[in-house]
């Protein structure tokens, strides 16, 4: 295994690579909390490590305030990302801003990593922390008005809807509740449409939304169509109990119905998934392919509870397992 000097210094920025070195002990795919946690632990195990990510911060970039991570109460998500980066900078783990496309076998226990940007390297172990992507509604008008009044991130785009007469938020999870509460500070009225009467969101977030006088809950209902003229102008909703349909006049649609895994990536690279498309892992974050580990929101573990804390925990375990795997391989190869 490559030896990585642990110089405890804080450079101004995480080193951004223009190209990858020929070989690494560990390639970490992703840039969210799970990836940064894995990077810290891999470096502490003196493994030659690199991160490859399209976007630094992962899904944290879509959040506003973080108040559920121990020791960092009420911090802006952007500041939490900087904290993670600063910690990893101490260990000198570089990052390539690119997207990993394929992970192939290269023989002698090595794997070949190739990116969309045509970067290539060999890795002895790989940690996938690729997260999940925003789920779409798949109704008429969604494609037409994407970026023209439709948003998949309330936290990101709420200020753009200041003084708009009305917007609609679709969903019943934490992101929907937090988004609706934030939008209520900008738009004059917020409709929150959810297909059930119960919510997946934490009670504290539901109550915060209910306390906003300009949020109207539209429950047991779904959006059937998004309409407008050049920009979003309304949504057609259907009451699931009565079948009655009516149109809400809105200037913005915020789709907050959760995430879905990158099934194309896992299928292309022969990694086993569960029935929902999430990467199957055991308690040590091992996937179906030897030498490949996974962590964070892309895994099948703890599907009903996705938090920064759980992602960080999985990243640490994945790095520990990768280190143990490499030491066992090294021990066998030197006999």
C-alpha atoms as a PDB file:
ATOM      1  CA  UNK A   1       0.000   0.000   0.000  1.00  0.00           C
ATOM      2  CA  UNK A   2       1.117   3.538  -0.671  1.00  0.00           C
ATOM      3  CA  UNK A   3       2.307   5.552   2.290  1.00  0.00           C
ATOM      4  CA  UNK A   4       0.725   8.933   2.721  1.00  0.00           C
ATOM      5  CA  UNK A   5       2.411  11.504   4.945  1.00  0.00           C
ATOM      6  CA  UNK A   6       0.021  12.953   7.492  1.00  0.00           C
ATOM      7  CA  UNK A   7       0.958  16.612   7.552  1.00  0.00           C
ATOM      8  CA  UNK A   8      -1.372  18.392   9.921  1.00  0.00           C
ATOM      9  CA  UNK A   9      -1.685  21.701   8.188  1.00  0.00           C
ATOM     10  CA  UNK A  10      -4.694  23.525   6.802  1.00  0.00           C
ATOM     11  CA  UNK A  11      -4.079  24.672   3.230  1.00  0.00           C
ATOM     12  CA  UNK A  12      -6.276  27.438   1.893  1.00  0.00           C
ATOM     13  CA  UNK A  13      -8.178  25.041  -0.373  1.00  0.00           C
ATOM     14  CA  UNK A  14      -8.454  21.337  -0.919  1.00  0.00           C
ATOM     15  CA  UNK A  15      -6.024  20.459  -3.700  1.00  0.00           C
ATOM     16  CA  UNK A  16      -7.901  20.189  -6.990  1.00  0.00           C
ATOM     17  CA  UNK A  17      -6.305  17.778  -9.443  1.00  0.00           C
ATOM     18  CA  UNK A  18      -6.121  18.273 -13.173  1.00  0.00           C
ATOM     19  CA  UNK A  19      -5.379  14.582 -13.672  1.00  0.00           C
ATOM     20  CA  UNK A  20      -5.163  11.454 -11.576  1.00  0.00           C
ATOM     21  CA  UNK A  21      -1.962   9.689 -10.598  1.00  0.00           C
ATOM     22  CA  UNK A  22      -1.501   6.203 -12.117  1.00  0.00           C
ATOM     23  CA  UNK A  23      -2.473   4.328  -8.946  1.00  0.00           C
ATOM     24  CA  UNK A  24      -4.132   4.768  -5.547  1.00  0.00           C
ATOM     25  CA  UNK A  25      -4.878   2.587  -2.583  1.00  0.00           C
ATOM     26  CA  UNK A  26      -8.397   4.010  -2.346  1.00  0.00           C
ATOM     27  CA  UNK A  27     -10.540   6.015  -4.760  1.00  0.00           C
ATOM     28  CA  UNK A  28     -13.536   7.638  -3.067  1.00  0.00           C
ATOM     29  CA  UNK A  29     -16.372   8.416  -5.472  1.00  0.00           C
ATOM     30  CA  UNK A  30     -18.500  11.295  -4.187  1.00  0.00           C
ATOM     31  CA  UNK A  31     -18.243  14.626  -2.399  1.00  0.00           C
ATOM     32  CA  UNK A  32     -20.813  14.543   0.394  1.00  0.00           C
ATOM     33  CA  UNK A  33     -20.546  13.826   4.138  1.00  0.00           C
ATOM     34  CA  UNK A  34     -20.034  10.075   3.618  1.00  0.00           C
ATOM     35  CA  UNK A  35     -17.212  10.715   1.140  1.00  0.00           C
ATOM     36  CA  UNK A  36     -15.450  13.246   3.377  1.00  0.00           C
ATOM     37  CA  UNK A  37     -15.755  10.961   6.390  1.00  0.00           C
ATOM     38  CA  UNK A  38     -14.281   8.085   4.380  1.00  0.00           C
ATOM     39  CA  UNK A  39     -11.456  10.360   3.209  1.00  0.00           C
ATOM     40  CA  UNK A  40     -10.464  11.312   6.762  1.00  0.00           C
ATOM     41  CA  UNK A  41     -10.366   7.714   7.936  1.00  0.00           C
ATOM     42  CA  UNK A  42      -8.623   6.387   4.825  1.00  0.00           C
ATOM     43  CA  UNK A  43      -5.922   9.034   5.267  1.00  0.00           C
ATOM     44  CA  UNK A  44      -5.583   8.202   8.953  1.00  0.00           C
ATOM     45  CA  UNK A  45      -4.990   4.595   7.932  1.00  0.00           C
ATOM     46  CA  UNK A  46      -2.097   5.925   5.788  1.00  0.00           C
ATOM     47  CA  UNK A  47      -3.757   4.905   2.529  1.00  0.00           C
ATOM     48  CA  UNK A  48      -2.970   6.839  -0.633  1.00  0.00           C
ATOM     49  CA  UNK A  49      -6.411   8.335  -1.248  1.00  0.00           C
ATOM     50  CA  UNK A  50      -8.171  10.555  -3.774  1.00  0.00           C
ATOM     51  CA  UNK A  51     -11.722  11.848  -4.016  1.00  0.00           C
ATOM     52  CA  UNK A  52     -13.536  12.097  -7.362  1.00  0.00           C
ATOM     53  CA  UNK A  53     -16.744  14.131  -7.272  1.00  0.00           C
ATOM     54  CA  UNK A  54     -18.939  16.201  -9.562  1.00  0.00           C
ATOM     55  CA  UNK A  55     -20.066  18.443  -6.717  1.00  0.00           C
ATOM     56  CA  UNK A  56     -18.549  19.140  -3.321  1.00  0.00           C
ATOM     57  CA  UNK A  57     -21.077  18.835  -0.506  1.00  0.00           C
ATOM     58  CA  UNK A  58     -23.451  16.313  -2.051  1.00  0.00           C
ATOM     59  CA  UNK A  59     -27.030  16.773  -0.918  1.00  0.00           C
ATOM     60  CA  UNK A  60     -25.889  19.180   1.794  1.00  0.00           C
ATOM     61  CA  UNK A  61     -25.712  21.805  -0.945  1.00  0.00           C
ATOM     62  CA  UNK A  62     -29.526  21.573  -1.096  1.00  0.00           C
ATOM     63  CA  UNK A  63     -29.995  22.226   2.617  1.00  0.00           C
ATOM     64  CA  UNK A  64     -30.378  25.493   4.466  1.00  0.00           C
ATOM     65  CA  UNK A  65     -29.596  25.146   8.150  1.00  0.00           C
ATOM     66  CA  UNK A  66     -28.147  22.096   9.896  1.00  0.00           C
ATOM     67  CA  UNK A  67     -29.359  21.627  13.453  1.00  0.00           C
ATOM     68  CA  UNK A  68     -29.222  17.855  13.873  1.00  0.00           C
ATOM     69  CA  UNK A  69     -25.483  17.128  13.757  1.00  0.00           C
ATOM     70  CA  UNK A  70     -23.767  16.857  17.122  1.00  0.00           C
ATOM     71  CA  UNK A  71     -21.581  19.843  17.988  1.00  0.00           C
ATOM     72  CA  UNK A  72     -22.670  22.030  15.062  1.00  0.00           C
ATOM     73  CA  UNK A  73     -26.032  23.482  16.150  1.00  0.00           C
ATOM     74  CA  UNK A  74     -27.823  25.897  13.863  1.00  0.00           C
ATOM     75  CA  UNK A  75     -25.049  26.124  11.274  1.00  0.00           C
ATOM     76  CA  UNK A  76     -25.641  26.958   7.645  1.00  0.00           C
ATOM     77  CA  UNK A  77     -25.187  23.910   5.442  1.00  0.00           C
ATOM     78  CA  UNK A  78     -22.528  25.724   3.406  1.00  0.00           C
ATOM     79  CA  UNK A  79     -20.519  26.300   6.592  1.00  0.00           C
ATOM     80  CA  UNK A  80     -20.825  22.631   7.549  1.00  0.00           C
ATOM     81  CA  UNK A  81     -19.436  21.673   4.138  1.00  0.00           C
ATOM     82  CA  UNK A  82     -16.494  24.018   4.735  1.00  0.00           C
ATOM     83  CA  UNK A  83     -15.890  22.399   8.135  1.00  0.00           C
ATOM     84  CA  UNK A  84     -15.744  18.977   6.484  1.00  0.00           C
ATOM     85  CA  UNK A  85     -13.395  20.280   3.777  1.00  0.00           C
ATOM     86  CA  UNK A  86     -11.072  21.921   6.298  1.00  0.00           C
ATOM     87  CA  UNK A  87     -10.816  18.704   8.272  1.00  0.00           C
ATOM     88  CA  UNK A  88      -9.943  16.675   5.174  1.00  0.00           C
ATOM     89  CA  UNK A  89      -7.440  19.350   4.087  1.00  0.00           C
ATOM     90  CA  UNK A  90      -5.404  18.540   7.201  1.00  0.00           C
ATOM     91  CA  UNK A  91      -4.716  15.135   5.696  1.00  0.00           C
ATOM     92  CA  UNK A  92      -3.949  16.363   2.198  1.00  0.00           C
ATOM     93  CA  UNK A  93      -6.538  14.256   0.374  1.00  0.00           C
ATOM     94  CA  UNK A  94      -6.914  15.772  -3.131  1.00  0.00           C
ATOM     95  CA  UNK A  95     -10.061  15.962  -5.223  1.00  0.00           C
ATOM     96  CA  UNK A  96     -10.732  15.602  -8.944  1.00  0.00           C
ATOM     97  CA  UNK A  97     -13.857  17.441 -10.095  1.00  0.00           C
ATOM     98  CA  UNK A  98     -15.264  14.800 -12.439  1.00  0.00           C
ATOM     99  CA  UNK A  99     -17.798  11.967 -12.622  1.00  0.00           C
ATOM    100  CA  UNK A 100     -16.736   8.337 -12.416  1.00  0.00           C
ATOM    101  CA  UNK A 101     -18.266   6.388 -15.278  1.00  0.00           C
ATOM    102  CA  UNK A 102     -16.906   2.840 -14.996  1.00  0.00           C
ATOM    103  CA  UNK A 103     -15.128   0.643 -12.483  1.00  0.00           C
ATOM    104  CA  UNK A 104     -13.606  -2.342 -14.269  1.00  0.00           C
ATOM    105  CA  UNK A 105     -11.339  -5.186 -13.296  1.00  0.00           C
ATOM    106  CA  UNK A 106      -7.651  -4.676 -14.114  1.00  0.00           C
ATOM    107  CA  UNK A 107      -6.184  -7.929 -12.776  1.00  0.00           C
ATOM    108  CA  UNK A 108      -3.915  -8.688  -9.802  1.00  0.00           C
ATOM    109  CA  UNK A 109      -6.477  -7.298  -7.390  1.00  0.00           C
ATOM    110  CA  UNK A 110      -6.580  -3.890  -9.078  1.00  0.00           C
ATOM    111  CA  UNK A 111      -9.573  -2.021 -10.490  1.00  0.00           C
ATOM    112  CA  UNK A 112      -9.580   0.441 -13.367  1.00  0.00           C
ATOM    113  CA  UNK A 113     -11.446   3.705 -12.713  1.00  0.00           C
ATOM    114  CA  UNK A 114     -12.505   5.849 -15.684  1.00  0.00           C
ATOM    115  CA  UNK A 115     -14.334   9.170 -15.621  1.00  0.00           C
ATOM    116  CA  UNK A 116     -16.560  11.090 -17.997  1.00  0.00           C
ATOM    117  CA  UNK A 117     -13.680  13.531 -18.440  1.00  0.00           C
ATOM    118  CA  UNK A 118     -11.484  10.625 -19.610  1.00  0.00           C
ATOM    119  CA  UNK A 119      -9.327  10.538 -16.472  1.00  0.00           C
ATOM    120  CA  UNK A 120      -8.025   7.057 -15.633  1.00  0.00           C
ATOM    121  CA  UNK A 121      -6.346   5.422 -12.689  1.00  0.00           C
ATOM    122  CA  UNK A 122      -5.948   2.094 -10.929  1.00  0.00           C
ATOM    123  CA  UNK A 123      -7.289   1.473  -7.423  1.00  0.00           C
ATOM    124  CA  UNK A 124      -6.852  -1.328  -4.927  1.00  0.00           C
ATOM    125  CA  UNK A 125     -10.146  -0.420  -3.246  1.00  0.00           C
ATOM    126  CA  UNK A 126     -13.068   1.850  -4.058  1.00  0.00           C
ATOM    127  CA  UNK A 127     -15.596   3.541  -1.795  1.00  0.00           C
ATOM    128  CA  UNK A 128     -18.820   4.599  -3.502  1.00  0.00           C
ATOM    129  CA  UNK A 129     -20.506   7.548  -1.811  1.00  0.00           C
ATOM    130  CA  UNK A 130     -22.559   8.648  -4.810  1.00  0.00           C
ATOM    131  CA  UNK A 131     -25.686   9.634  -2.907  1.00  0.00           C
ATOM    132  CA  UNK A 132     -29.035   9.766  -4.688  1.00  0.00           C
ATOM    133  CA  UNK A 133     -30.684  12.186  -7.092  1.00  0.00           C
ATOM    134  CA  UNK A 134     -33.887  14.208  -6.858  1.00  0.00           C
ATOM    135  CA  UNK A 135     -37.015  12.280  -7.841  1.00  0.00           C
ATOM    136  CA  UNK A 136     -39.193  13.778 -10.578  1.00  0.00           C
ATOM    137  CA  UNK A 137     -42.975  13.991 -10.587  1.00  0.00           C
ATOM    138  CA  UNK A 138     -43.467  12.699 -14.179  1.00  0.00           C
ATOM    139  CA  UNK A 139     -46.603  14.704 -15.010  1.00  0.00           C
ATOM    140  CA  UNK A 140     -47.497  16.784 -18.085  1.00  0.00           C
ATOM    141  CA  UNK A 141     -45.797  20.162 -18.024  1.00  0.00           C
ATOM    142  CA  UNK A 142     -42.863  19.114 -15.820  1.00  0.00           C
ATOM    143  CA  UNK A 143     -40.349  18.949 -18.655  1.00  0.00           C
ATOM    144  CA  UNK A 144     -41.767  22.028 -20.367  1.00  0.00           C
ATOM    145  CA  UNK A 145     -41.486  24.275 -17.316  1.00  0.00           C
ATOM    146  CA  UNK A 146     -38.326  22.833 -15.781  1.00  0.00           C
ATOM    147  CA  UNK A 147     -36.320  25.900 -14.782  1.00  0.00           C
ATOM    148  CA  UNK A 148     -39.274  28.155 -15.677  1.00  0.00           C
ATOM    149  CA  UNK A 149     -40.971  28.145 -12.304  1.00  0.00           C
ATOM    150  CA  UNK A 150     -40.276  24.526 -11.359  1.00  0.00           C
ATOM    151  CA  UNK A 151     -37.627  23.843  -8.738  1.00  0.00           C
ATOM    152  CA  UNK A 152     -36.403  20.694  -7.007  1.00  0.00           C
ATOM    153  CA  UNK A 153     -34.749  22.599  -4.182  1.00  0.00           C
ATOM    154  CA  UNK A 154     -36.841  24.965  -2.073  1.00  0.00           C
ATOM    155  CA  UNK A 155     -33.849  25.932   0.056  1.00  0.00           C
ATOM    156  CA  UNK A 156     -31.869  26.914  -3.042  1.00  0.00           C
ATOM    157  CA  UNK A 157     -34.500  28.883  -4.922  1.00  0.00           C
ATOM    158  CA  UNK A 158     -36.916  30.322  -2.342  1.00  0.00           C
ATOM    159  CA  UNK A 159     -35.510  33.892  -2.558  1.00  0.00           C
ATOM    160  CA  UNK A 160     -36.315  33.948  -6.291  1.00  0.00           C
ATOM    161  CA  UNK A 161     -40.038  33.827  -5.429  1.00  0.00           C
ATOM    162  CA  UNK A 162     -40.178  36.851  -3.163  1.00  0.00           C
ATOM    163  CA  UNK A 163     -43.637  38.503  -3.251  1.00  0.00           C
ATOM    164  CA  UNK A 164     -45.051  35.886  -5.641  1.00  0.00           C
ATOM    165  CA  UNK A 165     -48.781  35.525  -4.945  1.00  0.00           C
ATOM    166  CA  UNK A 166     -48.665  31.750  -4.438  1.00  0.00           C
ATOM    167  CA  UNK A 167     -46.401  28.724  -4.830  1.00  0.00           C
ATOM    168  CA  UNK A 168     -46.953  25.027  -4.274  1.00  0.00           C
ATOM    169  CA  UNK A 169     -44.691  22.547  -2.505  1.00  0.00           C
ATOM    170  CA  UNK A 170     -45.243  18.865  -3.276  1.00  0.00           C
ATOM    171  CA  UNK A 171     -44.171  16.267  -0.726  1.00  0.00           C
ATOM    172  CA  UNK A 172     -44.475  15.114   2.860  1.00  0.00           C
ATOM    173  CA  UNK A 173     -40.898  14.652   4.021  1.00  0.00           C
ATOM    174  CA  UNK A 174     -38.505  16.905   5.885  1.00  0.00           C
ATOM    175  CA  UNK A 175     -37.319  18.701   2.746  1.00  0.00           C
ATOM    176  CA  UNK A 176     -40.938  19.553   1.836  1.00  0.00           C
ATOM    177  CA  UNK A 177     -41.748  20.866   5.314  1.00  0.00           C
ATOM    178  CA  UNK A 178     -38.546  22.860   5.645  1.00  0.00           C
ATOM    179  CA  UNK A 179     -39.006  24.214   2.129  1.00  0.00           C
ATOM    180  CA  UNK A 180     -42.605  25.249   2.733  1.00  0.00           C
ATOM    181  CA  UNK A 181     -41.685  27.024   5.977  1.00  0.00           C
ATOM    182  CA  UNK A 182     -38.900  28.908   4.212  1.00  0.00           C
ATOM    183  CA  UNK A 183     -41.025  29.792   1.189  1.00  0.00           C
ATOM    184  CA  UNK A 184     -43.657  31.209   3.540  1.00  0.00           C
ATOM    185  CA  UNK A 185     -41.127  33.952   4.340  1.00  0.00           C
ATOM    186  CA  UNK A 186     -40.981  34.964   0.658  1.00  0.00           C
ATOM    187  CA  UNK A 187     -44.204  34.073  -1.158  1.00  0.00           C
ATOM    188  CA  UNK A 188     -47.558  35.473  -0.053  1.00  0.00           C
ATOM    189  CA  UNK A 189     -49.167  32.015   0.050  1.00  0.00           C
ATOM    190  CA  UNK A 190     -47.810  28.455   0.055  1.00  0.00           C
ATOM    191  CA  UNK A 191     -49.826  25.347  -0.755  1.00  0.00           C
ATOM    192  CA  UNK A 192     -48.365  22.096   0.544  1.00  0.00           C
ATOM    193  CA  UNK A 193     -49.758  19.153  -1.438  1.00  0.00           C
ATOM    194  CA  UNK A 194     -49.280  15.627  -0.080  1.00  0.00           C
ATOM    195  CA  UNK A 195     -50.870  12.351  -1.125  1.00  0.00           C
ATOM    196  CA  UNK A 196     -51.530  11.220   2.452  1.00  0.00           C
ATOM    197  CA  UNK A 197     -52.658  12.703   5.756  1.00  0.00           C
ATOM    198  CA  UNK A 198     -49.566  11.363   7.551  1.00  0.00           C
ATOM    199  CA  UNK A 199     -46.077  12.738   6.973  1.00  0.00           C
ATOM    200  CA  UNK A 200     -42.623  11.178   6.765  1.00  0.00           C
ATOM    201  CA  UNK A 201     -41.169  14.401   8.127  1.00  0.00           C
ATOM    202  CA  UNK A 202     -40.037  14.810  11.702  1.00  0.00           C
ATOM    203  CA  UNK A 203     -42.739  16.217  13.952  1.00  0.00           C
ATOM    204  CA  UNK A 204     -40.712  19.335  14.720  1.00  0.00           C
ATOM    205  CA  UNK A 205     -40.638  20.241  11.013  1.00  0.00           C
ATOM    206  CA  UNK A 206     -44.351  19.539  10.543  1.00  0.00           C
ATOM    207  CA  UNK A 207     -45.258  21.767  13.467  1.00  0.00           C
ATOM    208  CA  UNK A 208     -42.981  24.544  12.215  1.00  0.00           C
ATOM    209  CA  UNK A 209     -44.843  24.501   8.884  1.00  0.00           C
ATOM    210  CA  UNK A 210     -48.260  24.399  10.567  1.00  0.00           C
ATOM    211  CA  UNK A 211     -47.406  27.506  12.571  1.00  0.00           C
ATOM    212  CA  UNK A 212     -47.015  29.543   9.395  1.00  0.00           C
ATOM    213  CA  UNK A 213     -50.345  31.322   8.783  1.00  0.00           C
ATOM    214  CA  UNK A 214     -49.843  31.517   5.008  1.00  0.00           C
ATOM    215  CA  UNK A 215     -49.285  27.785   4.471  1.00  0.00           C
ATOM    216  CA  UNK A 216     -52.356  25.795   3.405  1.00  0.00           C
ATOM    217  CA  UNK A 217     -52.150  21.997   3.669  1.00  0.00           C
ATOM    218  CA  UNK A 218     -53.813  20.160   0.767  1.00  0.00           C
ATOM    219  CA  UNK A 219     -53.806  16.512   1.852  1.00  0.00           C
ATOM    220  CA  UNK A 220     -54.921  13.258   0.223  1.00  0.00           C
ATOM    221  CA  UNK A 221     -54.225  14.975  -3.087  1.00  0.00           C
ATOM    222  CA  UNK A 222     -51.791  14.753  -5.993  1.00  0.00           C
ATOM    223  CA  UNK A 223     -50.689  17.070  -8.780  1.00  0.00           C
ATOM    224  CA  UNK A 224     -51.807  15.767 -12.184  1.00  0.00           C
ATOM    225  CA  UNK A 225     -50.513  18.546 -14.445  1.00  0.00           C
ATOM    226  CA  UNK A 226     -48.425  21.705 -14.431  1.00  0.00           C
ATOM    227  CA  UNK A 227     -49.575  24.463 -16.752  1.00  0.00           C
ATOM    228  CA  UNK A 228     -48.618  27.965 -17.780  1.00  0.00           C
ATOM    229  CA  UNK A 229     -47.588  30.286 -20.574  1.00  0.00           C
ATOM    230  CA  UNK A 230     -43.792  30.424 -20.917  1.00  0.00           C
ATOM    231  CA  UNK A 231     -43.612  30.081 -17.127  1.00  0.00           C
ATOM    232  CA  UNK A 232     -45.550  28.124 -14.511  1.00  0.00           C
ATOM    233  CA  UNK A 233     -49.035  29.528 -14.012  1.00  0.00           C
ATOM    234  CA  UNK A 234     -50.924  26.769 -12.224  1.00  0.00           C
ATOM    235  CA  UNK A 235     -51.214  23.139 -11.176  1.00  0.00           C
ATOM    236  CA  UNK A 236     -54.106  20.713 -11.566  1.00  0.00           C
ATOM    237  CA  UNK A 237     -54.647  18.739  -8.374  1.00  0.00           C
ATOM    238  CA  UNK A 238     -56.875  15.721  -7.751  1.00  0.00           C
ATOM    239  CA  UNK A 239     -58.485  14.756  -4.458  1.00  0.00           C
ATOM    240  CA  UNK A 240     -57.676  11.055  -4.015  1.00  0.00           C
ATOM    241  CA  UNK A 241     -60.793  10.422  -1.922  1.00  0.00           C
ATOM    242  CA  UNK A 242     -63.418  12.089  -4.095  1.00  0.00           C
ATOM    243  CA  UNK A 243     -61.687  12.222  -7.487  1.00  0.00           C
ATOM    244  CA  UNK A 244     -62.535  15.912  -7.717  1.00  0.00           C
ATOM    245  CA  UNK A 245     -60.067  18.056  -9.652  1.00  0.00           C
ATOM    246  CA  UNK A 246     -59.323  21.756  -9.303  1.00  0.00           C
ATOM    247  CA  UNK A 247     -56.646  24.166 -10.423  1.00  0.00           C
ATOM    248  CA  UNK A 248     -54.442  26.214  -8.127  1.00  0.00           C
ATOM    249  CA  UNK A 249     -53.057  29.445  -9.571  1.00  0.00           C
ATOM    250  CA  UNK A 250     -49.382  29.467  -8.609  1.00  0.00           C
ATOM    251  CA  UNK A 251     -46.211  31.086  -9.870  1.00  0.00           C
ATOM    252  CA  UNK A 252     -43.865  28.374  -8.669  1.00  0.00           C
ATOM    253  CA  UNK A 253     -43.799  24.606  -8.160  1.00  0.00           C
ATOM    254  CA  UNK A 254     -41.365  23.012  -5.725  1.00  0.00           C
ATOM    255  CA  UNK A 255     -41.091  19.238  -6.133  1.00  0.00           C
ATOM    256  CA  UNK A 256     -39.803  17.747  -2.869  1.00  0.00           C
ATOM    257  CA  UNK A 257     -40.735  14.064  -3.147  1.00  0.00           C
ATOM    258  CA  UNK A 258     -37.436  12.510  -2.171  1.00  0.00           C
ATOM    259  CA  UNK A 259     -34.573  10.916  -4.000  1.00  0.00           C
ATOM    260  CA  UNK A 260     -33.810   7.925  -6.181  1.00  0.00           C
ATOM    261  CA  UNK A 261     -30.567   5.967  -6.641  1.00  0.00           C
ATOM    262  CA  UNK A 262     -28.321   6.045  -9.701  1.00  0.00           C
ATOM    263  CA  UNK A 263     -29.373   2.650 -11.043  1.00  0.00           C
ATOM    264  CA  UNK A 264     -27.613   3.227 -14.366  1.00  0.00           C
ATOM    265  CA  UNK A 265     -24.238   3.450 -12.613  1.00  0.00           C
ATOM    266  CA  UNK A 266     -24.719   0.332 -10.516  1.00  0.00           C
ATOM    267  CA  UNK A 267     -26.109  -1.679 -13.428  1.00  0.00           C
ATOM    268  CA  UNK A 268     -23.259  -0.598 -15.691  1.00  0.00           C
ATOM    269  CA  UNK A 269     -20.681  -1.633 -13.116  1.00  0.00           C
ATOM    270  CA  UNK A 270     -22.219  -4.920 -12.008  1.00  0.00           C
ATOM    271  CA  UNK A 271     -22.971  -3.908  -8.426  1.00  0.00           C
ATOM    272  CA  UNK A 272     -25.894  -5.664  -6.766  1.00  0.00           C
ATOM    273  CA  UNK A 273     -28.787  -3.514  -5.586  1.00  0.00           C
ATOM    274  CA  UNK A 274     -31.960  -4.032  -3.575  1.00  0.00           C
ATOM    275  CA  UNK A 275     -35.471  -3.889  -5.022  1.00  0.00           C
ATOM    276  CA  UNK A 276     -35.404  -0.066  -4.812  1.00  0.00           C
ATOM    277  CA  UNK A 277     -32.107   0.266  -6.680  1.00  0.00           C
ATOM    278  CA  UNK A 278     -29.913   1.095  -3.672  1.00  0.00           C
ATOM    279  CA  UNK A 279     -26.513  -0.581  -3.377  1.00  0.00           C
ATOM    280  CA  UNK A 280     -26.658  -3.693  -1.208  1.00  0.00           C
ATOM    281  CA  UNK A 281     -24.151  -3.555   1.647  1.00  0.00           C
ATOM    282  CA  UNK A 282     -23.515  -5.637   4.730  1.00  0.00           C
ATOM    283  CA  UNK A 283     -22.808  -4.227   8.182  1.00  0.00           C
ATOM    284  CA  UNK A 284     -19.208  -3.475   7.109  1.00  0.00           C
ATOM    285  CA  UNK A 285     -20.280  -1.543   3.976  1.00  0.00           C
ATOM    286  CA  UNK A 286     -19.063  -4.297   1.650  1.00  0.00           C
ATOM    287  CA  UNK A 287     -20.832  -4.544  -1.716  1.00  0.00           C
ATOM    288  CA  UNK A 288     -21.264  -7.572  -3.966  1.00  0.00           C
ATOM    289  CA  UNK A 289     -17.919  -6.820  -5.635  1.00  0.00           C
ATOM    290  CA  UNK A 290     -14.743  -7.552  -3.628  1.00  0.00           C
ATOM    291  CA  UNK A 291     -12.771  -4.393  -2.946  1.00  0.00           C
ATOM    292  CA  UNK A 292     -15.739  -2.084  -3.540  1.00  0.00           C
ATOM    293  CA  UNK A 293     -17.474  -0.532  -0.547  1.00  0.00           C
ATOM    294  CA  UNK A 294     -20.375   1.913  -0.360  1.00  0.00           C
ATOM    295  CA  UNK A 295     -21.543   4.523   2.137  1.00  0.00           C
ATOM    296  CA  UNK A 296     -24.252   7.140   2.590  1.00  0.00           C
ATOM    297  CA  UNK A 297     -27.536   7.654   0.795  1.00  0.00           C
ATOM    298  CA  UNK A 298     -26.643   5.305  -2.081  1.00  0.00           C
ATOM    299  CA  UNK A 299     -26.755   2.236   0.189  1.00  0.00           C
ATOM    300  CA  UNK A 300     -29.564  -0.110   1.177  1.00  0.00           C
ATOM    301  CA  UNK A 301     -28.827   0.419   4.878  1.00  0.00           C
ATOM    302  CA  UNK A 302     -31.235   2.430   7.071  1.00  0.00           C
ATOM    303  CA  UNK A 303     -33.468   3.390   4.130  1.00  0.00           C
ATOM    304  CA  UNK A 304     -36.030   5.150   6.291  1.00  0.00           C
ATOM    305  CA  UNK A 305     -33.525   7.339   8.119  1.00  0.00           C
ATOM    306  CA  UNK A 306     -31.117   9.411   5.988  1.00  0.00           C
ATOM    307  CA  UNK A 307     -29.090  11.868   8.062  1.00  0.00           C
ATOM    308  CA  UNK A 308     -25.657  13.505   8.024  1.00  0.00           C
ATOM    309  CA  UNK A 309     -24.798  11.457  11.097  1.00  0.00           C
ATOM    310  CA  UNK A 310     -25.647   8.152   9.417  1.00  0.00           C
ATOM    311  CA  UNK A 311     -23.728   9.084   6.259  1.00  0.00           C
ATOM    312  CA  UNK A 312     -20.650  10.046   8.260  1.00  0.00           C
ATOM    313  CA  UNK A 313     -20.841   6.805  10.233  1.00  0.00           C
ATOM    314  CA  UNK A 314     -21.077   4.700   7.091  1.00  0.00           C
ATOM    315  CA  UNK A 315     -18.158   6.569   5.513  1.00  0.00           C
ATOM    316  CA  UNK A 316     -15.957   5.809   8.506  1.00  0.00           C
ATOM    317  CA  UNK A 317     -16.921   2.123   8.487  1.00  0.00           C
ATOM    318  CA  UNK A 318     -16.325   1.864   4.731  1.00  0.00           C
ATOM    319  CA  UNK A 319     -12.801   3.271   5.133  1.00  0.00           C
ATOM    320  CA  UNK A 320     -12.082   0.888   7.998  1.00  0.00           C
ATOM    321  CA  UNK A 321     -13.287  -2.054   5.910  1.00  0.00           C
ATOM    322  CA  UNK A 322     -11.243  -0.926   2.901  1.00  0.00           C
ATOM    323  CA  UNK A 323      -8.145  -0.718   5.091  1.00  0.00           C
ATOM    324  CA  UNK A 324      -8.764  -4.176   6.531  1.00  0.00           C
ATOM    325  CA  UNK A 325      -9.374  -5.581   3.048  1.00  0.00           C
ATOM    326  CA  UNK A 326      -6.125  -4.099   1.712  1.00  0.00           C
ATOM    327  CA  UNK A 327      -4.056  -5.324   4.640  1.00  0.00           C
ATOM    328  CA  UNK A 328      -5.430  -8.826   4.231  1.00  0.00           C
ATOM    329  CA  UNK A 329      -4.621  -8.695   0.502  1.00  0.00           C
ATOM    330  CA  UNK A 330      -1.114  -7.331   1.185  1.00  0.00           C
ATOM    331  CA  UNK A 331      -0.522 -10.026   3.803  1.00  0.00           C
ATOM    332  CA  UNK A 332      -1.483 -12.789   1.352  1.00  0.00           C
ATOM    333  CA  UNK A 333       0.598 -11.349  -1.486  1.00  0.00           C
ATOM    334  CA  UNK A 334       3.794 -11.270   0.612  1.00  0.00           C
ATOM    335  CA  UNK A 335       3.607 -14.862   1.829  1.00  0.00           C
END
